[in-house]
Amino acid sequence: LLFSNAVNLLSNVPVSCLDVLICPLTHEETTQEATTLDELPGDKTTEKETVLKNSTMVYNGMNMEAIHVLLNFMEKRIDKGSSYREGLTPVLSLLTECSRAHRNIRKFLKDQVLPPLRDVTNRPEVGSTVRNKLVRLMTHVDLGVKQIAAEFLFVLCKERVGDYSEHPRIPVSCLKIYSVFAVDSLLKYTGYGNAAGLLAARGLLAGGRGDNWYSEDEDTDTEEYKNAKPNINLITGHLEEPMPNPIDEMTEEQKEYEAMKLVNMLDKLSREELLKPMGLKPDGTITPLEEALNQYSVIEETSSDTD
């Protein structure tokens, strides 16, 4: 109850004032860190990093203990498995807003929640890490819960809000490109299937489909991940062995027959209004397929006229 009340109180504090949750290390804390590290052998680099990360929850010279307490509280609320809307969404919203407003908080939380990937043999939603638990929430039946869980992960991946007026000196085209990099990073940790709802709501379904997939995070990828990446299923977000393509064994006549069969089935479903074919507009939002095709036709005609 005490933690819940503290979260509710902090949620009503202006986001610009939430930097009080982090503070520079005092001289005594810095000295203690240095002493602890000096006591370790010189070749124990990994142990030194662990001590530095866990003893006082330090990031970039800042004490992150308060943020770490909030993160642990959030995980306990997830593990509780009930009353997510009342018990989980307030702390998740608080961490999301803190991450949006304060770079050090966002980077610390990303290190804790989305560390560099090593094991990609399991789906992102399978497992017991904080990332696994949050990805599972992205497909929760409660719309509010799944939205805030997806939003939190997207913010950690350097989400850029859609209101470009907040960045008057940066060209809109550059912001859109940066937004695509954020989508690529999100898909890396969640898979396209889990993130589809968030991307559709933000008009970003066209993002993360080119040769630049994951490019911004390339320097943080582990060797295990780089080796597995060519065989990762983009939809499920996990490693799959290459499967034989049944179309490769078909003749051209068989391919044409199967294609027309599929077209006729979709046409029947559409005419009977059992299924409404949808497509992506150039801006990445969903629209009826006919309208999407018309927009692309107009773009092609305009491009031809320009040539």
C-alpha atoms as a PDB file:
ATOM      1  CA  LEU A   1       0.000   0.000   0.000  1.00  0.00           C
ATOM      2  CA  LEU A   2       2.869   2.371   0.812  1.00  0.00           C
ATOM      3  CA  PHE A   3       4.451   1.799  -2.613  1.00  0.00           C
ATOM      4  CA  SER A   4       1.096   2.284  -4.351  1.00  0.00           C
ATOM      5  CA  ASN A   5       0.529   5.576  -2.569  1.00  0.00           C
ATOM      6  CA  ALA A   6       4.057   6.717  -3.445  1.00  0.00           C
ATOM      7  CA  VAL A   7       3.460   5.883  -7.119  1.00  0.00           C
ATOM      8  CA  ASN A   8       0.152   7.763  -7.120  1.00  0.00           C
ATOM      9  CA  LEU A   9       1.855  10.772  -5.549  1.00  0.00           C
ATOM     10  CA  LEU A  10       4.703  10.764  -8.079  1.00  0.00           C
ATOM     11  CA  SER A  11       2.212  10.413 -10.929  1.00  0.00           C
ATOM     12  CA  ASN A  12       0.784  13.806  -9.973  1.00  0.00           C
ATOM     13  CA  VAL A  13       4.177  15.519  -9.933  1.00  0.00           C
ATOM     14  CA  PRO A  14       5.064  17.452 -13.133  1.00  0.00           C
ATOM     15  CA  VAL A  15       7.220  15.179 -15.266  1.00  0.00           C
ATOM     16  CA  SER A  16       9.936  17.822 -15.524  1.00  0.00           C
ATOM     17  CA  CYS A  17      10.370  17.595 -11.743  1.00  0.00           C
ATOM     18  CA  LEU A  18      10.828  13.832 -11.626  1.00  0.00           C
ATOM     19  CA  ASP A  19      14.584  14.181 -11.930  1.00  0.00           C
ATOM     20  CA  VAL A  20      14.499  14.312  -8.119  1.00  0.00           C
ATOM     21  CA  LEU A  21      14.292  10.514  -8.329  1.00  0.00           C
ATOM     22  CA  ILE A  22      17.911  10.404  -9.475  1.00  0.00           C
ATOM     23  CA  CYS A  23      20.885  12.277  -8.096  1.00  0.00           C
ATOM     24  CA  PRO A  24      24.655  12.404  -8.638  1.00  0.00           C
ATOM     25  CA  LEU A  25      26.699  10.095  -6.452  1.00  0.00           C
ATOM     26  CA  THR A  26      28.018  11.668  -3.284  1.00  0.00           C
ATOM     27  CA  HIS A  27      31.764  11.781  -2.680  1.00  0.00           C
ATOM     28  CA  GLU A  28      31.440   8.968  -0.131  1.00  0.00           C
ATOM     29  CA  GLU A  29      29.528   6.735  -2.584  1.00  0.00           C
ATOM     30  CA  THR A  30      32.049   7.402  -5.344  1.00  0.00           C
ATOM     31  CA  THR A  31      34.917   6.548  -3.003  1.00  0.00           C
ATOM     32  CA  GLN A  32      33.174   3.358  -1.878  1.00  0.00           C
ATOM     33  CA  GLU A  33      32.636   2.298  -5.504  1.00  0.00           C
ATOM     34  CA  ALA A  34      36.288   2.921  -6.351  1.00  0.00           C
ATOM     35  CA  THR A  35      37.475   0.998  -3.283  1.00  0.00           C
ATOM     36  CA  THR A  36      35.263  -1.992  -4.094  1.00  0.00           C
ATOM     37  CA  LEU A  37      36.487  -2.077  -7.675  1.00  0.00           C
ATOM     38  CA  ASP A  38      40.144  -1.747  -6.677  1.00  0.00           C
ATOM     39  CA  GLU A  39      39.818  -4.827  -4.489  1.00  0.00           C
ATOM     40  CA  LEU A  40      38.945  -6.960  -7.513  1.00  0.00           C
ATOM     41  CA  PRO A  41      41.725  -8.445  -9.696  1.00  0.00           C
ATOM     42  CA  GLY A  42      42.528  -6.508 -12.842  1.00  0.00           C
ATOM     43  CA  ASP A  43      41.274  -9.254 -15.179  1.00  0.00           C
ATOM     44  CA  LYS A  44      37.830  -9.422 -13.550  1.00  0.00           C
ATOM     45  CA  THR A  45      36.259  -6.878 -15.906  1.00  0.00           C
ATOM     46  CA  THR A  46      32.826  -8.514 -15.936  1.00  0.00           C
ATOM     47  CA  GLU A  47      32.719  -8.695 -12.129  1.00  0.00           C
ATOM     48  CA  LYS A  48      33.702  -5.038 -11.908  1.00  0.00           C
ATOM     49  CA  GLU A  49      30.862  -4.095 -14.247  1.00  0.00           C
ATOM     50  CA  THR A  50      28.445  -6.152 -12.140  1.00  0.00           C
ATOM     51  CA  VAL A  51      29.576  -4.490  -8.909  1.00  0.00           C
ATOM     52  CA  LEU A  52      29.311  -1.057 -10.450  1.00  0.00           C
ATOM     53  CA  LYS A  53      25.847  -1.829 -11.796  1.00  0.00           C
ATOM     54  CA  ASN A  54      24.302  -3.536  -8.799  1.00  0.00           C
ATOM     55  CA  SER A  55      25.873  -2.229  -5.588  1.00  0.00           C
ATOM     56  CA  THR A  56      24.281   1.221  -5.632  1.00  0.00           C
ATOM     57  CA  MET A  57      22.462   1.043  -8.983  1.00  0.00           C
ATOM     58  CA  VAL A  58      24.725   3.556 -10.660  1.00  0.00           C
ATOM     59  CA  TYR A  59      24.300   4.788 -14.203  1.00  0.00           C
ATOM     60  CA  ASN A  60      26.414   7.515 -15.781  1.00  0.00           C
ATOM     61  CA  GLY A  61      27.445   8.799 -12.363  1.00  0.00           C
ATOM     62  CA  MET A  62      23.837   8.938 -11.123  1.00  0.00           C
ATOM     63  CA  ASN A  63      22.254   6.996  -8.264  1.00  0.00           C
ATOM     64  CA  MET A  64      19.338   5.018  -9.729  1.00  0.00           C
ATOM     65  CA  GLU A  65      18.145   3.248  -6.588  1.00  0.00           C
ATOM     66  CA  ALA A  66      14.716   4.915  -6.615  1.00  0.00           C
ATOM     67  CA  ILE A  67      14.137   3.949 -10.256  1.00  0.00           C
ATOM     68  CA  HIS A  68      15.274   0.404  -9.530  1.00  0.00           C
ATOM     69  CA  VAL A  69      12.823   0.170  -6.627  1.00  0.00           C
ATOM     70  CA  LEU A  70       9.999   1.296  -8.950  1.00  0.00           C
ATOM     71  CA  LEU A  71      11.078  -1.267 -11.550  1.00  0.00           C
ATOM     72  CA  ASN A  72      11.041  -4.067  -8.959  1.00  0.00           C
ATOM     73  CA  PHE A  73       7.622  -2.927  -7.747  1.00  0.00           C
ATOM     74  CA  MET A  74       6.342  -3.016 -11.331  1.00  0.00           C
ATOM     75  CA  GLU A  75       7.630  -6.567 -11.801  1.00  0.00           C
ATOM     76  CA  LYS A  76       5.954  -7.706  -8.579  1.00  0.00           C
ATOM     77  CA  ARG A  77       2.676  -6.235  -9.837  1.00  0.00           C
ATOM     78  CA  ILE A  78       3.057  -8.193 -13.069  1.00  0.00           C
ATOM     79  CA  ASP A  79       3.799 -11.397 -11.146  1.00  0.00           C
ATOM     80  CA  LYS A  80       0.680 -10.863  -9.047  1.00  0.00           C
ATOM     81  CA  GLY A  81      -1.320 -11.688 -12.168  1.00  0.00           C
ATOM     82  CA  SER A  82      -4.496  -9.777 -11.327  1.00  0.00           C
ATOM     83  CA  SER A  83      -5.915  -6.247 -11.096  1.00  0.00           C
ATOM     84  CA  TYR A  84      -3.471  -5.013 -13.724  1.00  0.00           C
ATOM     85  CA  ARG A  85      -5.466  -1.893 -14.514  1.00  0.00           C
ATOM     86  CA  GLU A  86      -5.517  -0.684 -10.903  1.00  0.00           C
ATOM     87  CA  GLY A  87      -2.216  -2.130  -9.680  1.00  0.00           C
ATOM     88  CA  LEU A  88       0.124  -2.149 -12.676  1.00  0.00           C
ATOM     89  CA  THR A  89      -0.784   0.678 -15.052  1.00  0.00           C
ATOM     90  CA  PRO A  90       0.022   3.534 -12.599  1.00  0.00           C
ATOM     91  CA  VAL A  91       3.640   2.452 -12.024  1.00  0.00           C
ATOM     92  CA  LEU A  92       4.092   1.509 -15.685  1.00  0.00           C
ATOM     93  CA  SER A  93       2.790   4.926 -16.751  1.00  0.00           C
ATOM     94  CA  LEU A  94       5.114   6.617 -14.262  1.00  0.00           C
ATOM     95  CA  LEU A  95       8.183   4.780 -15.585  1.00  0.00           C
ATOM     96  CA  THR A  96       7.134   5.568 -19.156  1.00  0.00           C
ATOM     97  CA  GLU A  97       6.860   9.297 -18.481  1.00  0.00           C
ATOM     98  CA  CYS A  98      10.133   9.317 -16.537  1.00  0.00           C
ATOM     99  CA  SER A  99      11.858   7.638 -19.475  1.00  0.00           C
ATOM    100  CA  ARG A 100      10.385  10.102 -21.952  1.00  0.00           C
ATOM    101  CA  ALA A 101      11.537  13.120 -20.005  1.00  0.00           C
ATOM    102  CA  HIS A 102      14.922  12.015 -18.646  1.00  0.00           C
ATOM    103  CA  ARG A 103      17.570  10.399 -20.835  1.00  0.00           C
ATOM    104  CA  ASN A 104      19.549   8.810 -17.985  1.00  0.00           C
ATOM    105  CA  ILE A 105      16.434   7.122 -16.619  1.00  0.00           C
ATOM    106  CA  ARG A 106      15.509   5.780 -20.049  1.00  0.00           C
ATOM    107  CA  LYS A 107      18.978   4.405 -20.716  1.00  0.00           C
ATOM    108  CA  PHE A 108      19.200   2.808 -17.262  1.00  0.00           C
ATOM    109  CA  LEU A 109      15.787   1.165 -17.672  1.00  0.00           C
ATOM    110  CA  LYS A 110      16.673  -0.078 -21.140  1.00  0.00           C
ATOM    111  CA  ASP A 111      19.803  -1.719 -19.734  1.00  0.00           C
ATOM    112  CA  GLN A 112      17.651  -3.437 -17.111  1.00  0.00           C
ATOM    113  CA  VAL A 113      14.641  -4.365 -19.264  1.00  0.00           C
ATOM    114  CA  LEU A 114      16.112  -4.730 -22.770  1.00  0.00           C
ATOM    115  CA  PRO A 115      19.732  -5.862 -22.422  1.00  0.00           C
ATOM    116  CA  PRO A 116      21.605  -7.044 -25.542  1.00  0.00           C
ATOM    117  CA  LEU A 117      20.008 -10.225 -26.862  1.00  0.00           C
ATOM    118  CA  ARG A 118      21.874 -13.508 -26.553  1.00  0.00           C
ATOM    119  CA  ASP A 119      19.347 -16.349 -26.591  1.00  0.00           C
ATOM    120  CA  VAL A 120      16.808 -15.960 -29.398  1.00  0.00           C
ATOM    121  CA  THR A 121      15.745 -19.605 -29.565  1.00  0.00           C
ATOM    122  CA  ASN A 122      12.564 -18.810 -27.603  1.00  0.00           C
ATOM    123  CA  ARG A 123       9.809 -16.386 -28.530  1.00  0.00           C
ATOM    124  CA  PRO A 124      10.037 -12.947 -26.876  1.00  0.00           C
ATOM    125  CA  GLU A 125       6.954 -13.655 -24.761  1.00  0.00           C
ATOM    126  CA  VAL A 126       8.358 -16.941 -23.409  1.00  0.00           C
ATOM    127  CA  GLY A 127      10.501 -16.756 -20.282  1.00  0.00           C
ATOM    128  CA  SER A 128      10.764 -15.133 -16.864  1.00  0.00           C
ATOM    129  CA  THR A 129      12.694 -11.917 -17.561  1.00  0.00           C
ATOM    130  CA  VAL A 130      11.076  -8.492 -17.279  1.00  0.00           C
ATOM    131  CA  ARG A 131      11.152  -8.220 -21.074  1.00  0.00           C
ATOM    132  CA  ASN A 132       9.314 -11.534 -21.467  1.00  0.00           C
ATOM    133  CA  LYS A 133       6.659 -10.453 -18.979  1.00  0.00           C
ATOM    134  CA  LEU A 134       6.109  -7.071 -20.659  1.00  0.00           C
ATOM    135  CA  VAL A 135       5.924  -8.615 -24.132  1.00  0.00           C
ATOM    136  CA  ARG A 136       3.231 -11.005 -22.880  1.00  0.00           C
ATOM    137  CA  LEU A 137       1.252  -7.978 -21.718  1.00  0.00           C
ATOM    138  CA  MET A 138       1.374  -6.522 -25.252  1.00  0.00           C
ATOM    139  CA  THR A 139      -1.350  -8.999 -26.231  1.00  0.00           C
ATOM    140  CA  HIS A 140      -3.356  -8.771 -22.988  1.00  0.00           C
ATOM    141  CA  VAL A 141      -7.153  -8.725 -23.254  1.00  0.00           C
ATOM    142  CA  ASP A 142      -7.320  -5.396 -21.404  1.00  0.00           C
ATOM    143  CA  LEU A 143      -6.743  -2.678 -24.007  1.00  0.00           C
ATOM    144  CA  GLY A 144      -5.365  -0.182 -21.504  1.00  0.00           C
ATOM    145  CA  VAL A 145      -2.863  -2.672 -20.083  1.00  0.00           C
ATOM    146  CA  LYS A 146      -1.502  -3.785 -23.435  1.00  0.00           C
ATOM    147  CA  GLN A 147      -1.252  -0.207 -24.688  1.00  0.00           C
ATOM    148  CA  ILE A 148       0.817   1.039 -21.753  1.00  0.00           C
ATOM    149  CA  ALA A 149       3.070  -2.056 -21.821  1.00  0.00           C
ATOM    150  CA  ALA A 150       3.770  -1.545 -25.528  1.00  0.00           C
ATOM    151  CA  GLU A 151       4.225   2.192 -25.009  1.00  0.00           C
ATOM    152  CA  PHE A 152       6.814   1.624 -22.277  1.00  0.00           C
ATOM    153  CA  LEU A 153       8.907  -0.691 -24.449  1.00  0.00           C
ATOM    154  CA  PHE A 154       8.631   1.683 -27.409  1.00  0.00           C
ATOM    155  CA  VAL A 155       9.830   4.598 -25.291  1.00  0.00           C
ATOM    156  CA  LEU A 156      12.835   2.555 -24.155  1.00  0.00           C
ATOM    157  CA  CYS A 157      13.617   2.013 -27.850  1.00  0.00           C
ATOM    158  CA  LYS A 158      13.919   5.799 -28.383  1.00  0.00           C
ATOM    159  CA  GLU A 159      10.324   6.394 -29.416  1.00  0.00           C
ATOM    160  CA  ARG A 160       9.663   9.738 -31.024  1.00  0.00           C
ATOM    161  CA  VAL A 161       6.200  11.158 -30.414  1.00  0.00           C
ATOM    162  CA  GLY A 162       4.115  12.058 -33.452  1.00  0.00           C
ATOM    163  CA  ASP A 163       3.905  15.762 -32.660  1.00  0.00           C
ATOM    164  CA  TYR A 164       6.812  17.062 -34.733  1.00  0.00           C
ATOM    165  CA  SER A 165       6.182  20.596 -33.467  1.00  0.00           C
ATOM    166  CA  GLU A 166       8.205  19.603 -30.386  1.00  0.00           C
ATOM    167  CA  HIS A 167      11.291  19.526 -32.616  1.00  0.00           C
ATOM    168  CA  PRO A 168      10.986  22.725 -34.717  1.00  0.00           C
ATOM    169  CA  ARG A 169      14.624  22.733 -35.835  1.00  0.00           C
ATOM    170  CA  ILE A 170      14.730  19.142 -37.056  1.00  0.00           C
ATOM    171  CA  PRO A 171      13.300  18.328 -40.526  1.00  0.00           C
ATOM    172  CA  VAL A 172      10.157  16.199 -40.377  1.00  0.00           C
ATOM    173  CA  SER A 173      11.718  13.720 -42.811  1.00  0.00           C
ATOM    174  CA  CYS A 174      14.609  13.142 -40.403  1.00  0.00           C
ATOM    175  CA  LEU A 175      12.233  12.565 -37.495  1.00  0.00           C
ATOM    176  CA  LYS A 176      10.291  10.005 -39.507  1.00  0.00           C
ATOM    177  CA  ILE A 177      13.507   8.157 -40.361  1.00  0.00           C
ATOM    178  CA  TYR A 178      14.477   8.189 -36.669  1.00  0.00           C
ATOM    179  CA  SER A 179      11.030   6.840 -35.833  1.00  0.00           C
ATOM    180  CA  VAL A 180      11.661   3.908 -38.198  1.00  0.00           C
ATOM    181  CA  PHE A 181      14.881   3.123 -36.322  1.00  0.00           C
ATOM    182  CA  ALA A 182      12.859   3.053 -33.082  1.00  0.00           C
ATOM    183  CA  VAL A 183      10.398   0.634 -34.705  1.00  0.00           C
ATOM    184  CA  ASP A 184      13.261  -1.600 -35.824  1.00  0.00           C
ATOM    185  CA  SER A 185      14.646  -1.675 -32.294  1.00  0.00           C
ATOM    186  CA  LEU A 186      11.218  -2.513 -30.848  1.00  0.00           C
ATOM    187  CA  LEU A 187      10.700  -5.350 -33.345  1.00  0.00           C
ATOM    188  CA  LYS A 188      14.072  -6.766 -32.414  1.00  0.00           C
ATOM    189  CA  TYR A 189      12.942  -7.291 -28.822  1.00  0.00           C
ATOM    190  CA  THR A 190       9.243  -8.119 -29.341  1.00  0.00           C
ATOM    191  CA  GLY A 191       8.695  -9.516 -32.825  1.00  0.00           C
ATOM    192  CA  TYR A 192       6.321  -7.962 -35.360  1.00  0.00           C
ATOM    193  CA  GLY A 193       3.300  -9.937 -34.199  1.00  0.00           C
ATOM    194  CA  ASN A 194       3.382  -8.656 -30.621  1.00  0.00           C
ATOM    195  CA  ALA A 195       4.033  -5.063 -31.716  1.00  0.00           C
ATOM    196  CA  ALA A 196       1.417  -4.934 -34.495  1.00  0.00           C
ATOM    197  CA  GLY A 197      -1.249  -3.272 -32.330  1.00  0.00           C
ATOM    198  CA  LEU A 198       1.008  -0.400 -31.291  1.00  0.00           C
ATOM    199  CA  LEU A 199       2.367   0.092 -34.811  1.00  0.00           C
ATOM    200  CA  ALA A 200      -1.131   0.130 -36.317  1.00  0.00           C
ATOM    201  CA  ALA A 201      -2.340   2.690 -33.784  1.00  0.00           C
ATOM    202  CA  ARG A 202       0.621   4.959 -34.587  1.00  0.00           C
ATOM    203  CA  GLY A 203       0.599   4.499 -38.351  1.00  0.00           C
ATOM    204  CA  LEU A 204       4.002   2.797 -38.290  1.00  0.00           C
ATOM    205  CA  LEU A 205       3.179  -0.560 -39.848  1.00  0.00           C
ATOM    206  CA  ALA A 206       5.426   0.217 -42.812  1.00  0.00           C
ATOM    207  CA  GLY A 207       8.463   0.646 -40.580  1.00  0.00           C
ATOM    208  CA  GLY A 208      11.244  -1.872 -40.119  1.00  0.00           C
ATOM    209  CA  ARG A 209      10.893  -3.652 -43.444  1.00  0.00           C
ATOM    210  CA  GLY A 210      14.004  -2.578 -45.316  1.00  0.00           C
ATOM    211  CA  ASP A 211      17.703  -3.328 -45.366  1.00  0.00           C
ATOM    212  CA  ASN A 212      18.277  -1.071 -42.363  1.00  0.00           C
ATOM    213  CA  TRP A 213      16.530  -3.468 -39.965  1.00  0.00           C
ATOM    214  CA  TYR A 214      18.096  -3.067 -36.508  1.00  0.00           C
ATOM    215  CA  SER A 215      20.863  -0.888 -37.968  1.00  0.00           C
ATOM    216  CA  GLU A 216      20.908   1.616 -35.123  1.00  0.00           C
ATOM    217  CA  ASP A 217      21.507  -1.092 -32.517  1.00  0.00           C
ATOM    218  CA  GLU A 218      24.118  -2.938 -34.566  1.00  0.00           C
ATOM    219  CA  ASP A 219      26.966  -1.871 -32.311  1.00  0.00           C
ATOM    220  CA  THR A 220      25.257  -3.346 -29.221  1.00  0.00           C
ATOM    221  CA  ASP A 221      24.379  -6.720 -30.748  1.00  0.00           C
ATOM    222  CA  THR A 222      26.055  -9.751 -29.215  1.00  0.00           C
ATOM    223  CA  GLU A 223      27.971 -12.217 -31.373  1.00  0.00           C
ATOM    224  CA  GLU A 224      25.327 -14.855 -30.615  1.00  0.00           C
ATOM    225  CA  TYR A 225      22.614 -12.561 -31.939  1.00  0.00           C
ATOM    226  CA  LYS A 226      24.547 -11.539 -35.064  1.00  0.00           C
ATOM    227  CA  ASN A 227      25.095 -15.187 -35.958  1.00  0.00           C
ATOM    228  CA  ALA A 228      21.410 -16.027 -35.470  1.00  0.00           C
ATOM    229  CA  LYS A 229      19.920 -12.913 -37.107  1.00  0.00           C
ATOM    230  CA  PRO A 230      19.643 -14.256 -40.690  1.00  0.00           C
ATOM    231  CA  ASN A 231      17.338 -17.047 -39.466  1.00  0.00           C
ATOM    232  CA  ILE A 232      15.181 -14.998 -37.080  1.00  0.00           C
ATOM    233  CA  ASN A 233      11.490 -14.957 -37.960  1.00  0.00           C
ATOM    234  CA  LEU A 234      10.514 -11.272 -38.027  1.00  0.00           C
ATOM    235  CA  ILE A 235       6.916 -12.043 -37.048  1.00  0.00           C
ATOM    236  CA  THR A 236       7.585 -14.227 -34.015  1.00  0.00           C
ATOM    237  CA  GLY A 237      10.945 -12.651 -33.107  1.00  0.00           C
ATOM    238  CA  HIS A 238      12.783 -15.919 -32.508  1.00  0.00           C
ATOM    239  CA  LEU A 239      15.180 -18.252 -34.281  1.00  0.00           C
ATOM    240  CA  GLU A 240      13.697 -20.678 -36.774  1.00  0.00           C
ATOM    241  CA  GLU A 241      15.484 -23.143 -39.003  1.00  0.00           C
ATOM    242  CA  PRO A 242      14.979 -22.436 -42.736  1.00  0.00           C
ATOM    243  CA  MET A 243      11.868 -24.187 -44.045  1.00  0.00           C
ATOM    244  CA  PRO A 244      11.489 -25.455 -47.627  1.00  0.00           C
ATOM    245  CA  ASN A 245       9.269 -23.240 -49.764  1.00  0.00           C
ATOM    246  CA  PRO A 246       6.439 -25.386 -51.229  1.00  0.00           C
ATOM    247  CA  ILE A 247       6.068 -22.951 -54.132  1.00  0.00           C
ATOM    248  CA  ASP A 248       9.545 -23.861 -55.371  1.00  0.00           C
ATOM    249  CA  GLU A 249       8.298 -27.327 -56.323  1.00  0.00           C
ATOM    250  CA  MET A 250       5.285 -26.017 -58.282  1.00  0.00           C
ATOM    251  CA  THR A 251       5.099 -25.496 -62.014  1.00  0.00           C
ATOM    252  CA  GLU A 252       4.139 -22.076 -63.375  1.00  0.00           C
ATOM    253  CA  GLU A 253       0.641 -23.399 -64.168  1.00  0.00           C
ATOM    254  CA  GLN A 254       0.190 -24.634 -60.591  1.00  0.00           C
ATOM    255  CA  LYS A 255       1.332 -21.288 -59.187  1.00  0.00           C
ATOM    256  CA  GLU A 256      -1.128 -19.432 -61.403  1.00  0.00           C
ATOM    257  CA  TYR A 257      -3.946 -21.806 -60.410  1.00  0.00           C
ATOM    258  CA  GLU A 258      -3.267 -21.350 -56.675  1.00  0.00           C
ATOM    259  CA  ALA A 259      -3.031 -17.570 -57.076  1.00  0.00           C
ATOM    260  CA  MET A 260      -6.394 -17.329 -58.863  1.00  0.00           C
ATOM    261  CA  LYS A 261      -7.945 -19.665 -56.282  1.00  0.00           C
ATOM    262  CA  LEU A 262      -6.792 -17.327 -53.508  1.00  0.00           C
ATOM    263  CA  VAL A 263      -8.063 -14.249 -55.365  1.00  0.00           C
ATOM    264  CA  ASN A 264     -11.497 -15.827 -55.841  1.00  0.00           C
ATOM    265  CA  MET A 265     -11.717 -16.821 -52.171  1.00  0.00           C
ATOM    266  CA  LEU A 266     -10.823 -13.299 -51.023  1.00  0.00           C
ATOM    267  CA  ASP A 267     -13.277 -11.799 -53.508  1.00  0.00           C
ATOM    268  CA  LYS A 268     -16.079 -14.002 -52.189  1.00  0.00           C
ATOM    269  CA  LEU A 269     -15.313 -13.102 -48.567  1.00  0.00           C
ATOM    270  CA  SER A 270     -15.203  -9.426 -49.494  1.00  0.00           C
ATOM    271  CA  ARG A 271     -18.502  -9.449 -51.427  1.00  0.00           C
ATOM    272  CA  GLU A 272     -20.260 -11.251 -48.588  1.00  0.00           C
ATOM    273  CA  GLU A 273     -18.689  -8.738 -46.156  1.00  0.00           C
ATOM    274  CA  LEU A 274     -17.187 -11.514 -44.060  1.00  0.00           C
ATOM    275  CA  LEU A 275     -13.726 -10.084 -44.592  1.00  0.00           C
ATOM    276  CA  LYS A 276     -12.651  -6.592 -45.598  1.00  0.00           C
ATOM    277  CA  PRO A 277      -9.270  -6.535 -47.367  1.00  0.00           C
ATOM    278  CA  MET A 278      -7.038  -3.807 -45.993  1.00  0.00           C
ATOM    279  CA  GLY A 279      -3.830  -2.246 -47.217  1.00  0.00           C
ATOM    280  CA  LEU A 280      -1.202   0.247 -46.116  1.00  0.00           C
ATOM    281  CA  LYS A 281      -1.274   3.830 -47.288  1.00  0.00           C
ATOM    282  CA  PRO A 282       2.068   5.488 -48.100  1.00  0.00           C
ATOM    283  CA  ASP A 283       2.057   7.035 -44.612  1.00  0.00           C
ATOM    284  CA  GLY A 284       1.887   3.594 -42.963  1.00  0.00           C
ATOM    285  CA  THR A 285      -1.748   3.731 -41.778  1.00  0.00           C
ATOM    286  CA  ILE A 286      -4.347   1.049 -42.565  1.00  0.00           C
ATOM    287  CA  THR A 287      -7.107   1.716 -45.096  1.00  0.00           C
ATOM    288  CA  PRO A 288      -9.430  -0.383 -47.320  1.00  0.00           C
ATOM    289  CA  LEU A 289      -7.365  -2.100 -50.009  1.00  0.00           C
ATOM    290  CA  GLU A 290      -9.014  -0.312 -52.946  1.00  0.00           C
ATOM    291  CA  GLU A 291      -8.264   3.086 -51.426  1.00  0.00           C
ATOM    292  CA  ALA A 292      -4.661   2.106 -50.711  1.00  0.00           C
ATOM    293  CA  LEU A 293      -4.141   0.914 -54.303  1.00  0.00           C
ATOM    294  CA  ASN A 294      -5.678   4.123 -55.648  1.00  0.00           C
ATOM    295  CA  GLN A 295      -3.278   6.226 -53.580  1.00  0.00           C
ATOM    296  CA  TYR A 296      -0.264   4.292 -54.836  1.00  0.00           C
ATOM    297  CA  SER A 297      -1.539   4.652 -58.413  1.00  0.00           C
ATOM    298  CA  VAL A 298      -1.767   8.419 -57.982  1.00  0.00           C
ATOM    299  CA  ILE A 299       1.785   8.526 -56.608  1.00  0.00           C
ATOM    300  CA  GLU A 300       3.101   6.479 -59.557  1.00  0.00           C
ATOM    301  CA  GLU A 301       1.303   8.693 -62.081  1.00  0.00           C
ATOM    302  CA  THR A 302       2.680  11.819 -60.428  1.00  0.00           C
ATOM    303  CA  SER A 303       6.175  10.333 -60.470  1.00  0.00           C
ATOM    304  CA  SER A 304       5.843   9.427 -64.173  1.00  0.00           C
ATOM    305  CA  ASP A 305       4.675  12.934 -65.042  1.00  0.00           C
ATOM    306  CA  THR A 306       7.654  14.398 -63.190  1.00  0.00           C
ATOM    307  CA  ASP A 307      10.079  12.176 -65.122  1.00  0.00           C
END
